[in-house]
Amino acid sequence: MSWMPNHGRPRLKFLETRRLLTLFLLGALIWSLTSVDWTGPLVHKGGVTAAARFLLALFPPDLSPEFLAIVLKASVQTVAFALAGISVALLIGFPLGIIASGTLLPSSSPLKTPLIVASRFLLAAIRSVHELVWAVLFVAAVGLSPLAAILALGLPYGGILGRVYAELLQDVPSEPLRALRAAGASPTRLLFYGYLPMAMPDLLGYTFYRFECAIRAAAIMSFVGIQGLGYQMQISLQDLLFNQVWTLLLFMVGIIVVVDMWSTRVRRSLAL
């Protein structure tokens, strides 16, 4: 066992934080491996054949005009639901993120700390529940409808956006802010002329990333009654039409690539 000096006092080298984390993760891996039933087959007997059928269906995917019309409509529906969900998330996350960052009130305000604590607790509460769980809850409340899916996306994504927005606002360089304070700027002017302009590229970049996540999440919300790519995938899988599934997957990849390119162009325009 190795000992290392620490200001004249010995300490165990393996008790460092990173080493403890490594030991914990290694122990979790070993425990998970021991939990697997190694006596039975790891792969279903027909699994390899089914996987081969699915992969070979890519050559070629279904590109018939009739099915492409269905896929285009489903793509528009998926993007529309994702856009509605991320809009709800912005309405929740942007104001709560500003409050949680503590930039809106001066340090001398007695309300600053309680508001920060309350907003961070609320953001943590709504993002701790997965969107699929929110979907089940909203289906019980409002029934199988697009509103259930939109709210199920908006609430947890609002919590995530607000948390990240607060951190990005707090990481803004302090030198320009000190200059604004010296000029007599109020906290509101500091927010709109200092914090937000400097944090805007990162705020937009993360928002676009979350929009990509919302598109993927909207595609699997078919079980709550919304149309889209996920609904069509479900139908094609039930009919074992794997070439149609590949077409839908390729369109999903194409949508994400377009959003990523859009995000890059927007952030570059802000940097000019």
Protein backbone atom coordinates (compact mmCIF):
# COMPACT_ATOMS: atom_id res chain seq x y z
CA MET A 1 0.00 0.00 0.00
CA SER A 2 1.49 3.32 -1.07
CA TRP A 3 1.49 6.43 1.08
CA MET A 4 1.88 10.00 -0.12
CA PRO A 5 2.69 13.04 2.00
CA ASN A 6 0.06 15.73 2.36
CA HIS A 7 1.48 18.74 4.20
CA GLY A 8 3.27 16.46 6.63
CA ARG A 9 0.36 14.07 7.08
CA PRO A 10 0.14 10.72 5.26
CA ARG A 11 -2.88 9.87 3.15
CA LEU A 12 -3.90 6.85 1.15
CA LYS A 13 -3.25 7.36 -2.56
CA PHE A 14 -6.23 5.23 -3.63
CA LEU A 15 -8.62 7.39 -1.59
CA GLU A 16 -8.34 10.25 -4.07
CA THR A 17 -11.68 11.24 -5.55
CA ARG A 18 -10.98 10.08 -9.09
CA ARG A 19 -9.60 6.77 -7.87
CA LEU A 20 -12.68 6.21 -5.73
CA LEU A 21 -14.90 6.93 -8.73
CA THR A 22 -12.88 4.48 -10.84
CA LEU A 23 -13.20 1.79 -8.16
CA PHE A 24 -16.94 2.44 -7.89
CA LEU A 25 -17.47 2.17 -11.66
CA LEU A 26 -15.32 -0.96 -11.83
CA GLY A 27 -17.32 -2.52 -9.01
CA ALA A 28 -20.59 -1.61 -10.75
CA LEU A 29 -19.33 -3.26 -13.96
CA ILE A 30 -18.33 -6.45 -12.15
CA TRP A 31 -21.67 -6.54 -10.31
CA SER A 32 -23.59 -6.11 -13.58
CA LEU A 33 -21.61 -8.94 -15.20
CA THR A 34 -22.35 -11.26 -12.30
CA SER A 35 -26.06 -10.46 -12.62
CA VAL A 36 -26.23 -11.87 -16.17
CA ASP A 37 -27.47 -15.42 -16.64
CA TRP A 38 -24.48 -16.82 -18.54
CA THR A 39 -25.94 -20.35 -18.65
CA GLY A 40 -28.52 -19.52 -21.33
CA PRO A 41 -27.94 -18.28 -24.89
CA LEU A 42 -27.05 -14.60 -25.13
CA VAL A 43 -28.60 -14.28 -28.59
CA HIS A 44 -32.00 -15.62 -29.64
CA LYS A 45 -31.72 -18.51 -32.07
CA GLY A 46 -33.45 -16.56 -34.81
CA GLY A 47 -31.89 -13.24 -33.83
CA VAL A 48 -28.96 -13.40 -36.26
CA THR A 49 -31.26 -14.26 -39.16
CA ALA A 50 -33.67 -11.46 -38.26
CA ALA A 51 -30.81 -8.96 -37.94
CA ALA A 52 -29.45 -10.02 -41.33
CA ARG A 53 -32.89 -9.57 -42.92
CA PHE A 54 -33.17 -6.12 -41.41
CA LEU A 55 -29.70 -5.03 -42.58
CA LEU A 56 -30.15 -6.42 -46.08
CA ALA A 57 -33.44 -4.51 -46.43
CA LEU A 58 -31.35 -1.34 -46.68
CA PHE A 59 -30.37 -2.36 -50.20
CA PRO A 60 -32.52 -0.73 -51.40
CA PRO A 61 -34.98 1.04 -49.07
CA ASP A 62 -38.55 1.61 -50.18
CA LEU A 63 -38.44 4.66 -52.46
CA SER A 64 -41.82 4.24 -54.12
CA PRO A 65 -43.65 7.54 -54.71
CA GLU A 66 -46.64 6.42 -52.65
CA PHE A 67 -44.54 5.58 -49.59
CA LEU A 68 -42.32 8.66 -49.97
CA ALA A 69 -45.45 10.81 -49.79
CA ILE A 70 -46.36 9.11 -46.51
CA VAL A 71 -42.82 9.59 -45.16
CA LEU A 72 -42.74 13.28 -46.09
CA LYS A 73 -46.03 13.89 -44.30
CA ALA A 74 -44.81 11.94 -41.25
CA SER A 75 -41.56 13.95 -41.24
CA VAL A 76 -43.43 17.24 -41.24
CA GLN A 77 -45.65 16.01 -38.41
CA THR A 78 -42.64 14.90 -36.34
CA VAL A 79 -40.84 18.22 -36.78
CA ALA A 80 -44.05 20.13 -35.96
CA PHE A 81 -44.54 18.24 -32.69
CA ALA A 82 -40.86 18.67 -31.80
CA LEU A 83 -41.07 22.40 -32.54
CA ALA A 84 -44.18 22.73 -30.38
CA GLY A 85 -42.53 20.81 -27.56
CA ILE A 86 -39.32 22.84 -27.64
CA SER A 87 -41.38 26.05 -27.73
CA VAL A 88 -43.09 25.02 -24.49
CA ALA A 89 -39.67 24.13 -23.10
CA LEU A 90 -38.34 27.59 -23.96
CA LEU A 91 -41.31 29.27 -22.28
CA ILE A 92 -40.45 27.31 -19.13
CA GLY A 93 -36.68 27.12 -19.26
CA PHE A 94 -35.70 30.62 -20.37
CA PRO A 95 -37.29 32.64 -17.54
CA LEU A 96 -36.52 30.01 -14.91
CA GLY A 97 -32.93 29.77 -16.16
CA ILE A 98 -32.48 33.52 -15.81
CA ILE A 99 -33.87 33.43 -12.26
CA ALA A 100 -31.74 30.40 -11.39
CA SER A 101 -28.60 32.14 -12.66
CA GLY A 102 -29.05 34.95 -10.14
CA THR A 103 -28.35 37.62 -12.76
CA LEU A 104 -31.68 39.39 -12.55
CA LEU A 105 -31.37 40.68 -8.98
CA PRO A 106 -28.54 42.57 -7.25
CA SER A 107 -26.48 40.74 -4.66
CA SER A 108 -27.94 42.90 -1.90
CA SER A 109 -31.52 41.79 -2.59
CA PRO A 110 -32.93 39.50 0.15
CA LEU A 111 -34.99 37.70 -2.51
CA LYS A 112 -32.01 36.59 -4.60
CA THR A 113 -31.05 33.42 -2.73
CA PRO A 114 -34.63 32.16 -2.13
CA LEU A 115 -35.51 32.70 -5.80
CA ILE A 116 -32.37 30.90 -6.98
CA VAL A 117 -33.03 27.94 -4.68
CA ALA A 118 -36.72 27.73 -5.59
CA SER A 119 -36.13 27.96 -9.34
CA ARG A 120 -33.33 25.39 -9.30
CA PHE A 121 -35.48 23.02 -7.27
CA LEU A 122 -38.36 23.41 -9.74
CA LEU A 123 -36.05 22.85 -12.72
CA ALA A 124 -34.61 19.74 -11.08
CA ALA A 125 -38.08 18.41 -10.27
CA ILE A 126 -39.50 18.66 -13.79
CA ARG A 127 -36.40 17.35 -15.55
CA SER A 128 -35.97 14.40 -13.20
CA VAL A 129 -39.03 12.70 -14.77
CA HIS A 130 -38.44 11.23 -18.23
CA GLU A 131 -40.61 12.46 -21.10
CA LEU A 132 -42.13 9.00 -21.54
CA VAL A 133 -43.27 9.00 -17.92
CA TRP A 134 -44.68 12.51 -18.37
CA ALA A 135 -46.48 11.22 -21.47
CA VAL A 136 -48.17 8.45 -19.50
CA LEU A 137 -49.25 10.95 -16.84
CA PHE A 138 -50.61 13.42 -19.40
CA VAL A 139 -52.42 10.66 -21.27
CA ALA A 140 -54.20 9.84 -18.03
CA ALA A 141 -55.08 13.52 -17.63
CA VAL A 142 -56.00 14.66 -21.15
CA GLY A 143 -56.30 11.37 -23.07
CA LEU A 144 -54.56 10.20 -26.22
CA SER A 145 -53.91 13.50 -27.95
CA PRO A 146 -51.07 15.58 -29.41
CA LEU A 147 -51.33 17.87 -26.38
CA ALA A 148 -50.13 15.04 -24.14
CA ALA A 149 -47.04 14.52 -26.28
CA ILE A 150 -46.25 18.24 -26.54
CA LEU A 151 -46.51 18.76 -22.77
CA ALA A 152 -44.52 15.57 -22.15
CA LEU A 153 -41.69 17.01 -24.25
CA GLY A 154 -42.00 20.57 -22.99
CA LEU A 155 -41.79 19.96 -19.24
CA PRO A 156 -38.58 17.90 -18.92
CA TYR A 157 -36.87 19.76 -21.75
CA GLY A 158 -37.80 23.03 -20.06
CA GLY A 159 -36.08 21.81 -16.91
CA ILE A 160 -32.98 20.80 -18.84
CA LEU A 161 -32.82 24.05 -20.81
CA GLY A 162 -33.29 26.15 -17.69
CA ARG A 163 -30.51 24.33 -15.86
CA VAL A 164 -28.04 24.73 -18.70
CA TYR A 165 -29.08 28.34 -19.42
CA ALA A 166 -28.37 29.23 -15.78
CA GLU A 167 -24.88 27.74 -15.98
CA LEU A 168 -24.10 29.46 -19.29
CA LEU A 169 -25.18 32.83 -17.94
CA GLN A 170 -23.06 32.36 -14.84
CA ASP A 171 -20.01 31.53 -17.00
CA VAL A 172 -20.12 34.85 -18.87
CA PRO A 173 -16.78 36.75 -18.57
CA SER A 174 -16.87 39.24 -15.71
CA GLU A 175 -14.73 42.04 -17.21
CA PRO A 176 -17.40 43.48 -19.55
CA LEU A 177 -19.97 43.18 -16.77
CA ARG A 178 -17.79 45.18 -14.40
CA ALA A 179 -17.54 47.92 -17.02
CA LEU A 180 -21.33 48.03 -17.34
CA ARG A 181 -21.77 48.16 -13.58
CA ALA A 182 -19.23 50.98 -13.35
CA ALA A 183 -21.31 52.88 -15.93
CA GLY A 184 -24.35 52.57 -13.68
CA ALA A 185 -26.21 49.78 -15.52
CA SER A 186 -29.11 48.21 -13.65
CA PRO A 187 -29.40 44.39 -13.28
CA THR A 188 -31.95 44.35 -16.11
CA ARG A 189 -29.61 46.25 -18.43
CA LEU A 190 -26.77 43.97 -17.37
CA LEU A 191 -28.90 41.01 -18.42
CA PHE A 192 -29.93 42.36 -21.83
CA TYR A 193 -26.70 44.17 -22.75
CA GLY A 194 -24.17 41.98 -20.99
CA TYR A 195 -25.13 38.46 -20.04
CA LEU A 196 -27.44 37.55 -22.92
CA PRO A 197 -25.36 38.91 -25.84
CA MET A 198 -22.19 37.18 -24.62
CA ALA A 199 -23.95 33.90 -23.84
CA MET A 200 -26.19 33.89 -26.93
CA PRO A 201 -24.03 31.64 -29.19
CA ASP A 202 -23.85 28.95 -26.50
CA LEU A 203 -27.52 29.38 -25.62
CA LEU A 204 -28.54 28.93 -29.25
CA GLY A 205 -26.17 26.03 -29.77
CA TYR A 206 -27.60 24.10 -26.85
CA THR A 207 -31.17 24.98 -27.83
CA PHE A 208 -30.61 23.56 -31.31
CA TYR A 209 -29.13 20.42 -29.75
CA ARG A 210 -32.22 20.03 -27.59
CA PHE A 211 -34.37 20.56 -30.68
CA GLU A 212 -32.60 17.59 -32.27
CA CYS A 213 -33.35 15.56 -29.14
CA ALA A 214 -36.99 16.70 -29.32
CA ILE A 215 -37.24 15.44 -32.90
CA ARG A 216 -36.00 12.01 -31.84
CA ALA A 217 -38.31 12.00 -28.83
CA ALA A 218 -41.31 13.07 -30.93
CA ALA A 219 -40.66 10.13 -33.23
CA ILE A 220 -41.25 7.66 -30.39
CA MET A 221 -44.37 9.35 -29.05
CA SER A 222 -46.68 7.38 -31.32
CA PHE A 223 -48.02 5.41 -28.35
CA VAL A 224 -49.68 8.57 -27.02
CA GLY A 225 -51.69 9.07 -30.17
CA ILE A 226 -49.60 11.35 -32.41
CA GLN A 227 -48.78 10.72 -36.03
CA GLY A 228 -45.23 10.93 -37.32
CA LEU A 229 -42.18 8.90 -38.21
CA GLY A 230 -42.45 6.70 -35.13
CA TYR A 231 -46.05 5.81 -35.91
CA GLN A 232 -45.11 4.79 -39.45
CA MET A 233 -42.12 2.79 -38.17
CA GLN A 234 -44.42 0.92 -35.84
CA ILE A 235 -46.75 0.01 -38.69
CA SER A 236 -43.89 -1.07 -40.98
CA LEU A 237 -42.26 -3.17 -38.24
CA GLN A 238 -45.54 -4.91 -37.50
CA ASP A 239 -45.82 -5.82 -41.19
CA LEU A 240 -42.10 -6.81 -41.32
CA LEU A 241 -41.51 -4.25 -44.08
CA PHE A 242 -37.92 -3.52 -43.13
CA ASN A 243 -37.14 -1.62 -46.32
CA GLN A 244 -39.80 0.90 -45.30
CA VAL A 245 -38.27 1.13 -41.82
CA TRP A 246 -34.92 2.03 -43.40
CA THR A 247 -36.56 4.75 -45.46
CA LEU A 248 -38.05 6.24 -42.31
CA LEU A 249 -34.73 6.00 -40.47
CA LEU A 250 -32.88 7.69 -43.33
CA PHE A 251 -35.37 10.54 -43.29
CA MET A 252 -34.84 10.86 -39.53
CA VAL A 253 -31.08 11.10 -40.06
CA GLY A 254 -31.62 13.65 -42.81
CA ILE A 255 -33.75 15.86 -40.55
CA ILE A 256 -31.09 15.81 -37.80
CA VAL A 257 -28.36 16.69 -40.32
CA VAL A 258 -30.40 19.64 -41.63
CA VAL A 259 -31.01 20.94 -38.09
CA ASP A 260 -27.31 20.58 -37.29
CA MET A 261 -26.34 22.53 -40.41
CA TRP A 262 -28.90 25.20 -39.55
CA SER A 263 -27.50 25.48 -36.05
CA THR A 264 -23.95 25.85 -37.37
CA ARG A 265 -24.93 28.62 -39.78
CA VAL A 266 -26.82 30.54 -37.09
CA ARG A 267 -23.95 30.35 -34.61
CA ARG A 268 -21.41 31.38 -37.25
CA SER A 269 -23.55 34.38 -38.21
CA LEU A 270 -23.54 35.52 -34.58
CA ALA A 271 -19.77 35.17 -34.39
CA LEU A 272 -19.19 37.51 -37.37
